């Protein structure tokens, strides 16, 4: 069964797959702590979006999308730490930019949903 997904959901799935690949690389490079945090937050974004899209109310939708936005911001933090600490030799610029795009989109969705809720 094929279901239609939203743009933000597609972005989150693509991003999660990139994070999974990055996690595998980081583990091979013997980076185990931050990589695990990154895996959890980076894959949680899409999970919360999926829950939001199945929300029982507008309030539930906004709450779940807000959680997705927070998870995206956390993911950006872990990516930034990896970049700045240079624990592994890798340029995280592409992943940080993708995460920024997701944060911007989720922020817009939450703000728009909140303004139309009232």
N, C-alpha and C. Protein backbone atom coordinates (compact mmCIF):
# COMPACT_ATOMS: atom_id res chain seq x y z
N UNK A 1 0.84 -1.18 0.00
CA UNK A 1 0.00 0.00 0.00
C UNK A 1 0.89 1.25 0.00
N UNK A 2 0.67 2.12 -0.94
CA UNK A 2 1.43 3.36 -1.04
C UNK A 2 0.60 4.49 -0.46
N UNK A 3 1.19 5.25 0.45
CA UNK A 3 0.49 6.39 1.02
C UNK A 3 1.21 7.66 0.61
N UNK A 4 0.44 8.72 0.47
CA UNK A 4 1.02 10.00 0.10
C UNK A 4 1.61 10.65 1.35
N UNK A 5 2.86 11.11 1.23
CA UNK A 5 3.53 11.75 2.35
C UNK A 5 3.65 13.24 2.08
N UNK A 6 3.81 14.00 3.15
CA UNK A 6 4.00 15.43 3.02
C UNK A 6 5.45 15.72 2.66
N UNK A 7 5.70 16.93 2.22
CA UNK A 7 7.06 17.34 1.87
C UNK A 7 7.99 17.23 3.07
N UNK A 8 7.52 17.72 4.22
CA UNK A 8 8.37 17.68 5.42
C UNK A 8 8.61 16.24 5.86
N UNK A 9 7.64 15.38 5.68
CA UNK A 9 7.83 13.97 6.02
C UNK A 9 8.87 13.33 5.10
N UNK A 10 8.78 13.63 3.81
CA UNK A 10 9.78 13.11 2.86
C UNK A 10 11.18 13.61 3.21
N UNK A 11 11.29 14.88 3.56
CA UNK A 11 12.59 15.44 3.94
C UNK A 11 13.13 14.74 5.19
N UNK A 12 12.26 14.50 6.15
CA UNK A 12 12.68 13.87 7.41
C UNK A 12 13.13 12.43 7.17
N UNK A 13 12.44 11.72 6.30
CA UNK A 13 12.83 10.33 5.99
C UNK A 13 14.19 10.31 5.30
N UNK A 14 14.35 11.16 4.31
CA UNK A 14 15.64 11.24 3.60
C UNK A 14 16.76 11.61 4.58
N UNK A 15 16.49 12.56 5.46
CA UNK A 15 17.48 12.99 6.43
C UNK A 15 17.81 11.86 7.40
N UNK A 16 16.80 11.14 7.87
CA UNK A 16 17.02 10.02 8.80
C UNK A 16 17.91 8.96 8.15
N UNK A 17 17.68 8.68 6.89
CA UNK A 17 18.52 7.70 6.19
C UNK A 17 19.97 8.18 6.09
N UNK A 18 20.16 9.48 5.88
CA UNK A 18 21.51 10.04 5.86
C UNK A 18 22.16 9.93 7.25
N UNK A 19 21.37 10.17 8.28
CA UNK A 19 21.88 10.08 9.66
C UNK A 19 22.27 8.64 9.99
N UNK A 20 21.48 7.69 9.54
CA UNK A 20 21.81 6.27 9.77
C UNK A 20 23.14 5.92 9.11
N UNK A 21 23.33 6.37 7.88
CA UNK A 21 24.60 6.13 7.18
C UNK A 21 25.76 6.81 7.91
N UNK A 22 25.51 8.04 8.35
CA UNK A 22 26.54 8.77 9.08
C UNK A 22 26.87 8.07 10.40
N UNK A 23 25.86 7.56 11.08
CA UNK A 23 26.06 6.82 12.32
C UNK A 23 26.97 5.61 12.09
N UNK A 24 26.72 4.87 11.03
CA UNK A 24 27.55 3.70 10.71
C UNK A 24 29.00 4.12 10.50
N UNK A 25 29.20 5.23 9.79
CA UNK A 25 30.55 5.74 9.57
C UNK A 25 31.21 6.13 10.89
N UNK A 26 30.47 6.85 11.73
CA UNK A 26 31.03 7.31 13.01
C UNK A 26 31.42 6.14 13.90
N UNK A 27 30.63 5.10 13.92
CA UNK A 27 30.95 3.92 14.72
C UNK A 27 32.22 3.25 14.20
N UNK A 28 32.35 3.19 12.86
CA UNK A 28 33.59 2.63 12.29
C UNK A 28 34.80 3.46 12.68
N UNK A 29 34.57 4.76 12.88
CA UNK A 29 35.65 5.67 13.28
C UNK A 29 35.84 5.70 14.80
N UNK A 30 35.17 4.80 15.49
CA UNK A 30 35.28 4.65 16.94
C UNK A 30 34.68 5.82 17.73
N UNK A 31 33.66 6.47 17.17
CA UNK A 31 32.95 7.52 17.88
C UNK A 31 31.59 6.92 18.28
N UNK A 32 31.43 6.65 19.57
CA UNK A 32 30.26 5.90 20.04
C UNK A 32 29.25 6.73 20.82
N UNK A 33 29.66 7.80 21.46
CA UNK A 33 28.77 8.52 22.38
C UNK A 33 27.89 9.53 21.63
N UNK A 34 28.50 10.50 20.99
CA UNK A 34 27.72 11.52 20.28
C UNK A 34 26.97 10.90 19.11
N UNK A 35 27.57 9.92 18.47
CA UNK A 35 26.91 9.28 17.34
C UNK A 35 25.58 8.65 17.74
N UNK A 36 25.52 8.08 18.93
CA UNK A 36 24.28 7.46 19.41
C UNK A 36 23.21 8.53 19.65
N UNK A 37 23.62 9.65 20.25
CA UNK A 37 22.69 10.76 20.47
C UNK A 37 22.17 11.29 19.13
N UNK A 38 23.09 11.41 18.16
CA UNK A 38 22.73 11.88 16.83
C UNK A 38 21.74 10.94 16.17
N UNK A 39 21.97 9.65 16.28
CA UNK A 39 21.07 8.66 15.69
C UNK A 39 19.67 8.77 16.29
N UNK A 40 19.60 8.89 17.59
CA UNK A 40 18.30 8.97 18.27
C UNK A 40 17.52 10.23 17.86
N UNK A 41 18.17 11.38 17.95
CA UNK A 41 17.46 12.62 17.64
C UNK A 41 17.18 12.75 16.14
N UNK A 42 18.14 12.33 15.31
CA UNK A 42 17.97 12.47 13.86
C UNK A 42 16.89 11.60 13.27
N UNK A 43 16.64 10.45 13.88
CA UNK A 43 15.57 9.58 13.38
C UNK A 43 14.23 9.89 14.06
N UNK A 44 14.29 10.55 15.19
CA UNK A 44 13.08 10.91 15.93
C UNK A 44 12.28 12.01 15.24
N UNK A 45 12.94 12.83 14.45
CA UNK A 45 12.26 13.94 13.76
C UNK A 45 11.11 13.40 12.93
N UNK A 46 11.40 12.45 12.07
CA UNK A 46 10.37 11.88 11.19
C UNK A 46 9.31 11.10 11.93
N UNK A 47 9.72 10.42 13.00
CA UNK A 47 8.74 9.66 13.79
C UNK A 47 7.70 10.60 14.39
N UNK A 48 8.14 11.74 14.89
CA UNK A 48 7.20 12.70 15.47
C UNK A 48 6.35 13.39 14.40
N UNK A 49 6.91 13.59 13.23
CA UNK A 49 6.12 14.15 12.13
C UNK A 49 5.01 13.16 11.76
N UNK A 50 5.34 11.89 11.68
CA UNK A 50 4.33 10.87 11.36
C UNK A 50 3.21 10.87 12.40
N UNK A 51 3.60 10.99 13.68
CA UNK A 51 2.59 11.07 14.73
C UNK A 51 1.75 12.33 14.59
N UNK A 52 2.37 13.44 14.24
CA UNK A 52 1.64 14.70 14.08
C UNK A 52 0.61 14.59 12.96
N UNK A 53 1.01 13.98 11.86
CA UNK A 53 0.10 13.85 10.72
C UNK A 53 -1.09 12.96 11.02
N UNK A 54 -0.94 12.12 12.03
CA UNK A 54 -2.05 11.27 12.47
C UNK A 54 -2.68 11.83 13.75
N UNK A 55 -2.40 13.07 14.05
CA UNK A 55 -2.87 13.70 15.28
C UNK A 55 -4.38 13.67 15.42
N UNK A 56 -4.83 13.63 16.65
CA UNK A 56 -6.26 13.55 16.94
C UNK A 56 -6.93 14.92 16.92
N UNK A 57 -6.12 15.96 17.00
CA UNK A 57 -6.67 17.32 16.99
C UNK A 57 -5.60 18.28 16.49
N UNK A 58 -6.01 19.50 16.26
CA UNK A 58 -5.06 20.53 15.84
C UNK A 58 -4.01 20.75 16.93
N UNK A 59 -4.46 20.74 18.17
CA UNK A 59 -3.56 20.92 19.30
C UNK A 59 -2.52 19.79 19.35
N UNK A 60 -2.97 18.57 19.12
CA UNK A 60 -2.07 17.40 19.09
C UNK A 60 -1.07 17.53 17.95
N UNK A 61 -1.56 17.96 16.78
CA UNK A 61 -0.70 18.17 15.61
C UNK A 61 0.40 19.18 15.94
N UNK A 62 0.03 20.30 16.53
CA UNK A 62 1.00 21.35 16.86
C UNK A 62 2.01 20.84 17.88
N UNK A 63 1.54 20.11 18.88
CA UNK A 63 2.43 19.59 19.92
C UNK A 63 3.47 18.63 19.32
N UNK A 64 3.04 17.73 18.45
CA UNK A 64 3.96 16.75 17.86
C UNK A 64 4.92 17.43 16.87
N UNK A 65 4.44 18.39 16.11
CA UNK A 65 5.32 19.12 15.20
C UNK A 65 6.34 19.93 15.99
N UNK A 66 5.94 20.45 17.14
CA UNK A 66 6.87 21.19 18.00
C UNK A 66 7.95 20.27 18.52
N UNK A 67 7.58 19.06 18.88
CA UNK A 67 8.57 18.07 19.33
C UNK A 67 9.54 17.75 18.19
N UNK A 68 9.01 17.61 16.98
CA UNK A 68 9.88 17.36 15.82
C UNK A 68 10.88 18.48 15.63
N UNK A 69 10.41 19.71 15.80
CA UNK A 69 11.28 20.87 15.67
C UNK A 69 12.39 20.85 16.73
N UNK A 70 12.02 20.49 17.95
CA UNK A 70 13.02 20.40 19.03
C UNK A 70 14.03 19.29 18.75
N UNK A 71 13.57 18.17 18.24
CA UNK A 71 14.48 17.07 17.89
C UNK A 71 15.43 17.49 16.78
N UNK A 72 14.93 18.25 15.82
CA UNK A 72 15.78 18.74 14.73
C UNK A 72 16.85 19.69 15.26
N UNK A 73 16.46 20.54 16.19
CA UNK A 73 17.43 21.47 16.79
C UNK A 73 18.48 20.70 17.61
N UNK A 74 18.04 19.66 18.30
CA UNK A 74 18.99 18.83 19.05
C UNK A 74 19.96 18.14 18.09
N UNK A 75 19.44 17.65 16.99
CA UNK A 75 20.28 16.99 15.99
C UNK A 75 21.32 17.95 15.45
N UNK A 76 20.90 19.18 15.18
CA UNK A 76 21.85 20.19 14.70
C UNK A 76 22.95 20.43 15.73
N UNK A 77 22.57 20.43 17.00
CA UNK A 77 23.56 20.60 18.08
C UNK A 77 24.61 19.50 18.04
N UNK A 78 24.17 18.23 17.93
CA UNK A 78 25.12 17.11 17.89
C UNK A 78 26.01 17.19 16.66
N UNK A 79 25.43 17.57 15.52
CA UNK A 79 26.23 17.73 14.31
C UNK A 79 27.27 18.84 14.49
N UNK A 80 26.86 19.93 15.08
CA UNK A 80 27.77 21.05 15.34
C UNK A 80 28.91 20.62 16.27
N UNK A 81 28.57 19.88 17.32
CA UNK A 81 29.61 19.39 18.23
C UNK A 81 30.61 18.49 17.51
N UNK A 82 30.11 17.62 16.68
CA UNK A 82 31.00 16.73 15.92
C UNK A 82 31.90 17.55 15.00
N UNK A 83 31.31 18.55 14.35
CA UNK A 83 32.09 19.40 13.44
C UNK A 83 33.19 20.15 14.20
N UNK A 84 32.81 20.79 15.29
CA UNK A 84 33.74 21.64 16.02
C UNK A 84 34.78 20.85 16.81
N UNK A 85 34.41 19.69 17.33
CA UNK A 85 35.33 18.90 18.14
C UNK A 85 36.36 18.17 17.28
N UNK A 86 36.03 17.95 16.03
CA UNK A 86 36.89 17.21 15.11
C UNK A 86 37.27 15.84 15.68
N UNK A 87 36.31 15.21 16.35
CA UNK A 87 36.53 13.85 16.86
C UNK A 87 36.82 12.87 15.72
N UNK A 88 36.20 13.14 14.59
CA UNK A 88 36.47 12.36 13.38
C UNK A 88 36.74 13.33 12.23
N UNK A 89 37.49 12.85 11.27
CA UNK A 89 37.77 13.69 10.10
C UNK A 89 36.60 13.54 9.12
N UNK A 90 35.72 14.53 9.15
CA UNK A 90 34.53 14.52 8.29
C UNK A 90 33.96 15.93 8.27
N UNK A 91 33.46 16.35 7.13
CA UNK A 91 32.84 17.67 6.99
C UNK A 91 31.33 17.50 7.12
N UNK A 92 30.77 18.00 8.20
CA UNK A 92 29.35 17.84 8.50
C UNK A 92 28.49 18.96 7.92
N UNK A 93 29.06 19.80 7.08
CA UNK A 93 28.37 20.97 6.54
C UNK A 93 27.07 20.59 5.83
N UNK A 94 27.09 19.56 5.02
CA UNK A 94 25.91 19.14 4.26
C UNK A 94 24.78 18.72 5.21
N UNK A 95 25.11 17.96 6.23
CA UNK A 95 24.11 17.49 7.18
C UNK A 95 23.55 18.64 8.01
N UNK A 96 24.42 19.57 8.40
CA UNK A 96 23.97 20.74 9.18
C UNK A 96 23.01 21.58 8.33
N UNK A 97 23.33 21.77 7.06
CA UNK A 97 22.46 22.55 6.16
C UNK A 97 21.11 21.86 5.97
N UNK A 98 21.11 20.55 5.81
CA UNK A 98 19.86 19.80 5.66
C UNK A 98 19.01 19.91 6.92
N UNK A 99 19.67 19.85 8.06
CA UNK A 99 18.97 19.97 9.34
C UNK A 99 18.40 21.37 9.50
N UNK A 100 19.16 22.39 9.12
CA UNK A 100 18.67 23.77 9.15
C UNK A 100 17.40 23.93 8.33
N UNK A 101 17.39 23.33 7.16
CA UNK A 101 16.22 23.41 6.28
C UNK A 101 15.00 22.78 6.94
N UNK A 102 15.19 21.65 7.59
CA UNK A 102 14.09 20.98 8.28
C UNK A 102 13.61 21.84 9.45
N UNK A 103 14.53 22.42 10.21
CA UNK A 103 14.16 23.29 11.33
C UNK A 103 13.33 24.46 10.82
N UNK A 104 13.76 25.11 9.75
CA UNK A 104 13.02 26.25 9.19
C UNK A 104 11.60 25.84 8.78
N UNK A 105 11.48 24.71 8.11
CA UNK A 105 10.18 24.25 7.65
C UNK A 105 9.27 23.90 8.83
N UNK A 106 9.81 23.18 9.80
CA UNK A 106 9.00 22.81 10.97
C UNK A 106 8.58 24.04 11.77
N UNK A 107 9.47 25.00 11.90
CA UNK A 107 9.15 26.24 12.61
C UNK A 107 8.01 26.97 11.90
N UNK A 108 8.07 27.03 10.59
CA UNK A 108 7.00 27.68 9.81
C UNK A 108 5.68 26.94 9.98
N UNK A 109 5.72 25.62 9.95
CA UNK A 109 4.50 24.83 10.12
C UNK A 109 3.89 25.07 11.49
N UNK A 110 4.71 25.06 12.53
CA UNK A 110 4.20 25.26 13.89
C UNK A 110 3.62 26.68 14.02
N UNK A 111 4.35 27.69 13.56
CA UNK A 111 3.86 29.07 13.68
C UNK A 111 2.56 29.27 12.92
N UNK A 112 2.49 28.77 11.71
CA UNK A 112 1.28 28.89 10.90
C UNK A 112 0.11 28.16 11.56
N UNK A 113 0.36 26.96 12.04
CA UNK A 113 -0.69 26.18 12.69
C UNK A 113 -1.19 26.87 13.96
N UNK A 114 -0.27 27.46 14.71
CA UNK A 114 -0.66 28.17 15.93
C UNK A 114 -1.50 29.41 15.61
N UNK A 115 -1.11 30.12 14.55
CA UNK A 115 -1.84 31.35 14.21
C UNK A 115 -3.23 31.05 13.66
N UNK A 116 -3.39 29.94 12.98
CA UNK A 116 -4.72 29.59 12.45
C UNK A 116 -5.58 28.85 13.46
N UNK A 117 -4.96 28.44 14.56
CA UNK A 117 -5.70 27.73 15.61
C UNK A 117 -6.62 28.68 16.37
N UNK A 118 -6.17 29.91 16.52
CA UNK A 118 -6.92 30.88 17.34
C UNK A 118 -8.07 31.49 16.61
